[in-house]
């Protein structure tokens, strides 16, 4: 769990954090849609 937290912190401090946030948002939106499709 500690490693996971460290990874998250690194991502947040990363300059591409915004890009990751967008990707995560898209994946989150795509996840529920896929479930609905099934």
N, C-alpha and C. Protein backbone atom coordinates (compact mmCIF):
# COMPACT_ATOMS: atom_id res chain seq x y z
N UNK A 1 0.85 -1.20 0.00
CA UNK A 1 0.00 0.00 0.00
C UNK A 1 0.89 1.26 0.00
N UNK A 2 1.98 1.15 0.74
CA UNK A 2 2.91 2.30 0.82
C UNK A 2 3.45 2.61 -0.58
N UNK A 3 3.74 1.55 -1.32
CA UNK A 3 4.29 1.76 -2.67
C UNK A 3 3.24 2.44 -3.55
N UNK A 4 2.01 2.07 -3.34
CA UNK A 4 0.94 2.65 -4.17
C UNK A 4 0.84 4.14 -3.87
N UNK A 5 0.90 4.49 -2.61
CA UNK A 5 0.79 5.90 -2.23
C UNK A 5 1.95 6.69 -2.83
N UNK A 6 3.13 6.09 -2.78
CA UNK A 6 4.31 6.76 -3.33
C UNK A 6 4.13 7.00 -4.83
N UNK A 7 3.60 6.02 -5.50
CA UNK A 7 3.37 6.13 -6.95
C UNK A 7 2.40 7.28 -7.22
N UNK A 8 1.35 7.34 -6.45
CA UNK A 8 0.34 8.39 -6.64
C UNK A 8 0.98 9.77 -6.42
N UNK A 9 1.80 9.86 -5.39
CA UNK A 9 2.45 11.15 -5.09
C UNK A 9 3.36 11.55 -6.25
N UNK A 10 4.08 10.56 -6.77
CA UNK A 10 5.00 10.85 -7.89
C UNK A 10 4.19 11.34 -9.10
N UNK A 11 3.07 10.71 -9.33
CA UNK A 11 2.23 11.09 -10.47
C UNK A 11 1.69 12.50 -10.28
N UNK A 12 1.32 12.81 -9.06
CA UNK A 12 0.76 14.14 -8.77
C UNK A 12 1.82 15.21 -8.99
N UNK A 13 3.06 14.90 -8.58
CA UNK A 13 4.14 15.87 -8.71
C UNK A 13 4.63 15.91 -10.16
N UNK A 14 4.35 14.85 -10.89
CA UNK A 14 4.79 14.78 -12.29
C UNK A 14 4.13 15.90 -13.11
N UNK A 15 4.86 16.42 -14.09
CA UNK A 15 4.32 17.49 -14.95
C UNK A 15 3.21 16.97 -15.85
N UNK A 16 3.24 15.68 -16.09
CA UNK A 16 2.21 15.08 -16.96
C UNK A 16 1.01 14.62 -16.12
N UNK A 17 0.93 15.12 -14.90
CA UNK A 17 -0.19 14.72 -14.03
C UNK A 17 -1.52 15.09 -14.67
N UNK A 18 -1.53 16.27 -15.32
CA UNK A 18 -2.77 16.72 -15.97
C UNK A 18 -3.18 15.72 -17.05
N UNK A 19 -2.18 15.27 -17.79
CA UNK A 19 -2.46 14.31 -18.88
C UNK A 19 -3.00 13.02 -18.28
N UNK A 20 -2.40 12.59 -17.19
CA UNK A 20 -2.84 11.35 -16.54
C UNK A 20 -4.26 11.52 -16.01
N UNK A 21 -4.53 12.69 -15.48
CA UNK A 21 -5.87 12.95 -14.93
C UNK A 21 -6.90 12.82 -16.05
N UNK A 22 -6.56 13.37 -17.20
CA UNK A 22 -7.49 13.32 -18.34
C UNK A 22 -7.71 11.86 -18.74
N UNK A 23 -6.61 11.13 -18.77
CA UNK A 23 -6.70 9.71 -19.18
C UNK A 23 -7.56 8.95 -18.18
N UNK A 24 -7.32 9.21 -16.91
CA UNK A 24 -8.08 8.51 -15.86
C UNK A 24 -9.56 8.85 -15.99
N UNK A 25 -9.85 10.09 -16.30
CA UNK A 25 -11.24 10.53 -16.43
C UNK A 25 -11.89 9.78 -17.60
N UNK A 26 -11.16 9.69 -18.69
CA UNK A 26 -11.70 9.02 -19.89
C UNK A 26 -11.93 7.54 -19.58
N UNK A 27 -10.97 6.94 -18.90
CA UNK A 27 -11.10 5.51 -18.56
C UNK A 27 -12.29 5.32 -17.62
N UNK A 28 -12.44 6.22 -16.68
CA UNK A 28 -13.54 6.09 -15.70
C UNK A 28 -14.88 6.21 -16.44
N UNK A 29 -14.92 7.11 -17.41
CA UNK A 29 -16.17 7.31 -18.15
C UNK A 29 -16.43 6.10 -19.06
N UNK A 30 -15.35 5.53 -19.57
CA UNK A 30 -15.48 4.40 -20.49
C UNK A 30 -15.85 3.13 -19.71
N UNK A 31 -15.38 3.05 -18.48
CA UNK A 31 -15.65 1.85 -17.66
C UNK A 31 -17.16 1.63 -17.48
N UNK A 32 -17.89 2.61 -16.99
CA UNK A 32 -19.34 2.43 -16.77
C UNK A 32 -20.06 2.18 -18.09
N UNK A 33 -19.60 2.84 -19.14
CA UNK A 33 -20.25 2.67 -20.44
C UNK A 33 -20.12 1.22 -20.90
N UNK A 34 -18.95 0.65 -20.69
CA UNK A 34 -18.72 -0.74 -21.13
C UNK A 34 -19.65 -1.67 -20.35
N UNK A 35 -19.79 -1.41 -19.08
CA UNK A 35 -20.65 -2.28 -18.24
C UNK A 35 -22.09 -2.20 -18.76
N UNK A 36 -22.50 -1.00 -19.15
CA UNK A 36 -23.87 -0.82 -19.63
C UNK A 36 -24.06 -1.57 -20.95
N UNK A 37 -23.00 -1.58 -21.75
CA UNK A 37 -23.06 -2.24 -23.06
C UNK A 37 -23.21 -3.75 -22.88
N UNK A 38 -22.49 -4.28 -21.93
CA UNK A 38 -22.50 -5.75 -21.74
C UNK A 38 -23.90 -6.24 -21.42
